[in-house]
N, C-alpha and C. Protein backbone atom coordinates (compact mmCIF):
# COMPACT_ATOMS: atom_id res chain seq x y z
N LEU A 1 39.11 89.17 144.80
CA LEU A 1 39.98 88.42 143.90
C LEU A 1 40.13 89.17 142.56
N LEU A 2 39.04 89.72 142.06
CA LEU A 2 39.10 90.47 140.81
C LEU A 2 40.00 91.69 140.94
N LYS A 3 39.96 92.36 142.08
CA LYS A 3 40.80 93.52 142.33
C LYS A 3 42.27 93.10 142.34
N TYR A 4 42.59 91.98 142.93
CA TYR A 4 43.95 91.45 142.99
C TYR A 4 44.47 91.15 141.57
N VAL A 5 43.63 90.50 140.76
CA VAL A 5 44.01 90.17 139.38
C VAL A 5 44.24 91.45 138.58
N ASN A 6 43.36 92.44 138.76
CA ASN A 6 43.51 93.71 138.05
C ASN A 6 44.80 94.42 138.47
N ASN A 7 45.14 94.38 139.75
CA ASN A 7 46.38 94.99 140.25
C ASN A 7 47.61 94.31 139.64
N LYS A 8 47.59 92.99 139.61
CA LYS A 8 48.72 92.24 139.03
C LYS A 8 48.84 92.54 137.53
N ARG A 9 47.70 92.62 136.84
CA ARG A 9 47.73 92.94 135.42
C ARG A 9 48.30 94.34 135.21
N ALA A 10 47.90 95.29 136.04
CA ALA A 10 48.40 96.66 135.93
C ALA A 10 49.90 96.70 136.21
N GLU A 11 50.35 95.94 137.19
CA GLU A 11 51.79 95.88 137.51
C GLU A 11 52.57 95.29 136.33
N ALA A 12 52.02 94.25 135.72
CA ALA A 12 52.70 93.62 134.58
C ALA A 12 52.76 94.58 133.40
N GLN A 13 51.67 95.30 133.16
CA GLN A 13 51.66 96.29 132.07
C GLN A 13 52.65 97.42 132.33
N ALA A 14 52.73 97.85 133.57
CA ALA A 14 53.68 98.90 133.92
C ALA A 14 55.11 98.41 133.74
N ALA A 15 55.37 97.16 134.12
CA ALA A 15 56.71 96.59 133.95
C ALA A 15 57.04 96.46 132.46
N ASP A 16 56.06 96.05 131.66
CA ASP A 16 56.28 95.96 130.21
C ASP A 16 56.58 97.34 129.62
N ALA A 17 55.84 98.35 130.07
CA ALA A 17 56.05 99.71 129.57
C ALA A 17 57.45 100.22 129.96
N ARG A 18 57.87 99.94 131.21
CA ARG A 18 59.23 100.33 131.65
C ARG A 18 60.29 99.65 130.82
N ALA A 19 60.10 98.35 130.58
CA ALA A 19 61.07 97.59 129.78
C ALA A 19 61.14 98.15 128.35
N ALA A 20 59.99 98.51 127.79
CA ALA A 20 59.97 99.07 126.44
C ALA A 20 60.69 100.42 126.41
N ARG A 21 60.47 101.26 127.43
CA ARG A 21 61.17 102.55 127.50
C ARG A 21 62.67 102.35 127.63
N GLU A 22 63.08 101.37 128.43
CA GLU A 22 64.52 101.08 128.59
C GLU A 22 65.13 100.60 127.28
N ARG A 23 64.42 99.71 126.56
CA ARG A 23 64.92 99.24 125.27
C ARG A 23 65.05 100.40 124.28
N THR A 24 64.06 101.27 124.28
CA THR A 24 64.10 102.43 123.38
C THR A 24 65.27 103.35 123.73
N ALA A 25 65.49 103.56 125.02
CA ALA A 25 66.59 104.42 125.45
C ALA A 25 67.94 103.80 125.10
N LYS A 26 68.06 102.49 125.29
CA LYS A 26 69.31 101.81 124.94
C LYS A 26 69.57 101.87 123.43
N ALA A 27 68.52 101.67 122.64
CA ALA A 27 68.67 101.72 121.19
C ALA A 27 69.07 103.13 120.74
N ALA A 28 68.47 104.14 121.35
CA ALA A 28 68.81 105.53 121.00
C ALA A 28 70.25 105.84 121.39
N ALA A 29 70.67 105.37 122.55
CA ALA A 29 72.06 105.60 122.99
C ALA A 29 73.03 104.88 122.07
N SER A 30 72.68 103.67 121.68
CA SER A 30 73.53 102.91 120.77
C SER A 30 73.63 103.61 119.42
N ARG A 31 72.51 104.13 118.93
CA ARG A 31 72.49 104.84 117.66
C ARG A 31 73.33 106.12 117.74
N ARG A 32 73.20 106.86 118.86
CA ARG A 32 74.02 108.07 119.04
C ARG A 32 75.50 107.73 119.09
N ASN A 33 75.83 106.63 119.76
CA ASN A 33 77.22 106.20 119.86
C ASN A 33 77.77 105.84 118.48
N ALA A 34 76.98 105.11 117.68
CA ALA A 34 77.42 104.74 116.34
C ALA A 34 77.58 105.98 115.46
N GLU A 35 76.66 106.92 115.56
CA GLU A 35 76.77 108.16 114.78
C GLU A 35 78.00 108.95 115.19
N SER A 36 78.28 108.97 116.49
CA SER A 36 79.45 109.68 116.99
C SER A 36 80.74 109.06 116.45
N LYS A 37 80.79 107.72 116.45
CA LYS A 37 81.97 107.03 115.91
C LYS A 37 82.13 107.28 114.41
N GLN A 38 81.01 107.27 113.68
CA GLN A 38 81.07 107.54 112.25
C GLN A 38 81.58 108.95 112.00
N LYS A 39 81.14 109.90 112.82
CA LYS A 39 81.60 111.28 112.66
C LYS A 39 83.09 111.38 112.96
N GLU A 40 83.56 110.69 113.99
CA GLU A 40 85.00 110.69 114.30
C GLU A 40 85.81 110.13 113.14
N ILE A 41 85.34 109.04 112.56
CA ILE A 41 86.04 108.43 111.42
C ILE A 41 86.04 109.39 110.23
N ALA A 42 84.89 110.00 109.95
CA ALA A 42 84.81 110.93 108.83
C ALA A 42 85.71 112.14 109.07
N ASP A 43 85.75 112.64 110.31
CA ASP A 43 86.62 113.77 110.62
C ASP A 43 88.08 113.40 110.45
N ALA A 44 88.46 112.21 110.90
CA ALA A 44 89.85 111.76 110.75
C ALA A 44 90.22 111.63 109.28
N GLU A 45 89.30 111.09 108.48
CA GLU A 45 89.57 110.96 107.04
C GLU A 45 89.66 112.33 106.38
N SER A 46 88.81 113.27 106.82
CA SER A 46 88.86 114.62 106.27
C SER A 46 90.18 115.29 106.61
N GLU A 47 90.66 115.08 107.85
CA GLU A 47 91.95 115.64 108.24
C GLU A 47 93.08 115.04 107.40
N LYS A 48 93.03 113.73 107.17
CA LYS A 48 94.04 113.09 106.33
C LYS A 48 94.02 113.67 104.93
N LEU A 49 92.81 113.81 104.39
CA LEU A 49 92.67 114.34 103.03
C LEU A 49 93.15 115.78 102.96
N ALA A 50 92.83 116.58 103.97
CA ALA A 50 93.29 117.96 104.00
C ALA A 50 94.81 118.02 104.08
N GLY A 51 95.39 117.14 104.89
CA GLY A 51 96.85 117.08 104.99
C GLY A 51 97.47 116.67 103.67
N LEU A 52 96.86 115.70 103.00
CA LEU A 52 97.35 115.26 101.70
C LEU A 52 97.27 116.40 100.69
N ALA A 53 96.14 117.10 100.67
CA ALA A 53 95.97 118.22 99.74
C ALA A 53 96.99 119.31 100.04
N SER A 54 97.22 119.56 101.31
CA SER A 54 98.20 120.57 101.69
C SER A 54 99.61 120.17 101.26
N ASP A 55 99.96 118.92 101.49
CA ASP A 55 101.28 118.43 101.08
C ASP A 55 101.46 118.52 99.57
N LEU A 56 100.41 118.13 98.84
CA LEU A 56 100.51 118.18 97.38
C LEU A 56 100.59 119.62 96.89
N ALA A 57 99.81 120.50 97.51
CA ALA A 57 99.86 121.91 97.11
C ALA A 57 101.24 122.48 97.39
N ALA A 58 101.81 122.13 98.54
CA ALA A 58 103.15 122.61 98.88
C ALA A 58 104.17 122.07 97.89
N ALA A 59 104.03 120.82 97.51
CA ALA A 59 104.97 120.23 96.55
C ALA A 59 104.83 120.89 95.19
N LEU A 60 103.60 121.19 94.80
CA LEU A 60 103.38 121.79 93.49
C LEU A 60 103.89 123.23 93.42
N THR A 61 103.90 123.90 94.55
CA THR A 61 104.37 125.29 94.57
C THR A 61 105.79 125.41 95.07
N ALA A 62 106.50 124.30 95.14
CA ALA A 62 107.85 124.30 95.71
C ALA A 62 108.86 125.00 94.82
N GLY A 63 108.55 125.17 93.55
CA GLY A 63 109.47 125.89 92.67
C GLY A 63 109.97 125.00 91.56
N THR A 64 110.92 125.51 90.80
CA THR A 64 111.41 124.80 89.62
C THR A 64 112.31 123.64 89.97
N GLU A 65 112.81 123.59 91.21
CA GLU A 65 113.68 122.47 91.54
C GLU A 65 112.92 121.16 91.70
N THR A 66 111.59 121.23 91.74
CA THR A 66 110.77 120.02 91.87
C THR A 66 110.46 119.49 90.48
N GLU A 67 110.96 118.32 90.20
CA GLU A 67 110.75 117.68 88.91
C GLU A 67 109.43 116.92 88.91
N PRO A 68 108.80 116.77 87.75
CA PRO A 68 107.53 116.02 87.68
C PRO A 68 107.65 114.61 88.25
N ASP A 69 108.77 113.95 88.00
CA ASP A 69 108.94 112.60 88.55
C ASP A 69 108.92 112.61 90.08
N ASP A 70 109.52 113.65 90.67
CA ASP A 70 109.51 113.78 92.13
C ASP A 70 108.10 114.01 92.64
N LEU A 71 107.33 114.83 91.92
CA LEU A 71 105.95 115.09 92.32
C LEU A 71 105.11 113.82 92.25
N ILE A 72 105.28 113.06 91.17
CA ILE A 72 104.54 111.81 91.03
C ILE A 72 104.90 110.86 92.17
N GLN A 73 106.19 110.80 92.51
CA GLN A 73 106.60 109.93 93.62
C GLN A 73 105.96 110.38 94.93
N LYS A 74 105.89 111.69 95.15
CA LYS A 74 105.24 112.20 96.37
C LYS A 74 103.76 111.82 96.40
N VAL A 75 103.12 111.88 95.25
CA VAL A 75 101.71 111.51 95.16
C VAL A 75 101.53 110.03 95.48
N VAL A 76 102.39 109.20 94.93
CA VAL A 76 102.30 107.75 95.18
C VAL A 76 102.50 107.47 96.67
N ASP A 77 103.50 108.08 97.27
CA ASP A 77 103.74 107.89 98.71
C ASP A 77 102.56 108.39 99.54
N ALA A 78 101.99 109.53 99.13
CA ALA A 78 100.85 110.08 99.86
C ALA A 78 99.63 109.17 99.72
N VAL A 79 99.41 108.62 98.55
CA VAL A 79 98.28 107.71 98.34
C VAL A 79 98.43 106.48 99.23
N GLN A 80 99.64 105.95 99.31
CA GLN A 80 99.86 104.79 100.16
C GLN A 80 99.57 105.14 101.62
N ALA A 81 100.08 106.29 102.07
CA ALA A 81 99.86 106.70 103.46
C ALA A 81 98.39 106.96 103.73
N PHE A 82 97.70 107.60 102.81
CA PHE A 82 96.29 107.95 103.01
C PHE A 82 95.40 106.73 103.03
N THR A 83 95.67 105.79 102.15
CA THR A 83 94.78 104.62 102.05
C THR A 83 95.16 103.50 103.00
N GLY A 84 96.40 103.53 103.52
CA GLY A 84 96.84 102.44 104.37
C GLY A 84 97.21 101.20 103.57
N ALA A 85 97.39 101.36 102.27
CA ALA A 85 97.73 100.23 101.41
C ALA A 85 99.16 99.76 101.69
N THR A 86 99.44 98.52 101.33
CA THR A 86 100.79 98.00 101.51
C THR A 86 101.74 98.57 100.47
N GLY A 87 101.20 99.08 99.38
CA GLY A 87 102.02 99.69 98.35
C GLY A 87 101.13 100.42 97.36
N ALA A 88 101.75 101.27 96.57
CA ALA A 88 101.00 102.00 95.54
C ALA A 88 101.92 102.24 94.36
N TYR A 89 101.34 102.32 93.19
CA TYR A 89 102.13 102.59 92.00
C TYR A 89 101.26 103.27 90.96
N VAL A 90 101.91 104.00 90.06
CA VAL A 90 101.23 104.72 88.99
C VAL A 90 101.77 104.19 87.67
N GLY A 91 100.87 103.93 86.76
CA GLY A 91 101.28 103.40 85.47
C GLY A 91 100.88 104.33 84.34
N GLU A 92 101.51 104.11 83.23
CA GLU A 92 101.25 104.89 82.02
C GLU A 92 100.97 103.90 80.90
N LYS A 93 99.95 104.19 80.14
CA LYS A 93 99.60 103.28 79.05
C LYS A 93 99.95 103.96 77.73
N ASP A 94 100.87 103.35 77.02
CA ASP A 94 101.26 103.86 75.71
C ASP A 94 100.26 103.39 74.66
N PRO A 95 100.15 104.12 73.56
CA PRO A 95 99.26 103.65 72.49
C PRO A 95 99.69 102.26 72.01
N PRO A 96 98.77 101.31 71.99
CA PRO A 96 99.14 99.94 71.62
C PRO A 96 99.46 99.81 70.13
N GLU A 97 100.49 99.03 69.86
CA GLU A 97 100.84 98.73 68.47
C GLU A 97 100.31 97.36 68.07
N THR A 98 100.13 96.49 69.04
CA THR A 98 99.59 95.16 68.77
C THR A 98 98.41 94.90 69.70
N GLU A 99 97.71 93.80 69.44
CA GLU A 99 96.55 93.44 70.27
C GLU A 99 96.96 93.16 71.72
N GLU A 100 98.13 92.51 71.92
CA GLU A 100 98.61 92.20 73.27
C GLU A 100 98.95 93.46 74.05
N GLU A 101 99.44 94.47 73.39
CA GLU A 101 99.85 95.71 74.07
C GLU A 101 98.67 96.51 74.60
N LYS A 102 97.45 96.16 74.21
CA LYS A 102 96.27 96.86 74.75
C LYS A 102 96.16 96.64 76.24
N LEU A 103 96.70 95.55 76.72
CA LEU A 103 96.63 95.22 78.14
C LEU A 103 97.86 95.64 78.91
N CYS A 104 98.84 96.21 78.25
CA CYS A 104 100.12 96.53 78.90
C CYS A 104 100.11 97.92 79.52
N VAL A 105 100.66 97.99 80.72
CA VAL A 105 100.84 99.25 81.42
C VAL A 105 102.29 99.31 81.87
N ARG A 106 102.92 100.46 81.66
CA ARG A 106 104.31 100.65 82.11
C ARG A 106 104.25 101.49 83.38
N TYR A 107 104.77 100.94 84.46
CA TYR A 107 104.72 101.63 85.75
C TYR A 107 105.85 102.65 85.82
N ILE A 108 105.49 103.89 86.21
CA ILE A 108 106.47 104.98 86.22
C ILE A 108 106.81 105.45 87.62
N ALA A 109 106.03 105.05 88.61
CA ALA A 109 106.32 105.42 90.00
C ALA A 109 105.73 104.36 90.91
N ALA A 110 106.45 104.08 92.00
CA ALA A 110 105.98 103.08 92.96
C ALA A 110 106.57 103.40 94.32
N THR A 111 105.89 102.91 95.36
CA THR A 111 106.45 103.07 96.69
C THR A 111 107.71 102.22 96.79
N ALA A 112 108.55 102.53 97.76
CA ALA A 112 109.86 101.89 97.88
C ALA A 112 109.76 100.36 97.92
N ASP A 113 108.77 99.84 98.64
CA ASP A 113 108.64 98.39 98.78
C ASP A 113 108.03 97.72 97.54
N HIS A 114 107.62 98.51 96.55
CA HIS A 114 107.09 97.97 95.31
C HIS A 114 107.87 98.49 94.09
N SER A 115 109.11 98.86 94.31
CA SER A 115 109.91 99.43 93.22
C SER A 115 110.20 98.42 92.11
N ASP A 116 110.02 97.15 92.39
CA ASP A 116 110.22 96.15 91.34
C ASP A 116 109.19 96.25 90.22
N MET A 117 108.11 97.02 90.46
CA MET A 117 107.08 97.23 89.44
C MET A 117 107.54 98.23 88.37
N LEU A 118 108.51 99.05 88.70
CA LEU A 118 108.93 100.12 87.79
C LEU A 118 109.46 99.58 86.47
N GLY A 119 109.02 100.20 85.40
CA GLY A 119 109.48 99.84 84.08
C GLY A 119 108.81 98.60 83.51
N SER A 120 108.03 97.91 84.32
CA SER A 120 107.40 96.69 83.79
C SER A 120 105.99 96.96 83.36
C-alpha cells in the first residue's frame, strides 16, 4: 500500500512539473509574440517617420518655387497623416498687447477639413 501511495504521489508530482513547464512555455511564447508585435509596430512607425522626413527634405530642397506657406501646409498634412489625427493645424502667437491676447493664437495653416481655423 505504501508503494502504491508513493507511486501516485510521484505521478502527481510529475504531472505538476509537466503543467508548470507547459505554463512557462506558453508564457514565453506569449511574451515573444508580444515583443514581435511591438517590434512590427515600432518598425512601421519608423518607416512612417522616415517617409515623412524624406517628404519634408524633398519639399525643402524643391527650389525657390516652394513658398514657406506651401511648406508649412505640407508639414501640417504630413503631421495629420503620420499621427492619424482627424485634423491638424499650426498657429502663431503674436506678442500680446493686452492681458486677453496672452491666450490668443492665430492659426496660419490647417488641413483641408479644418480650414475654418485659419485666421482665427
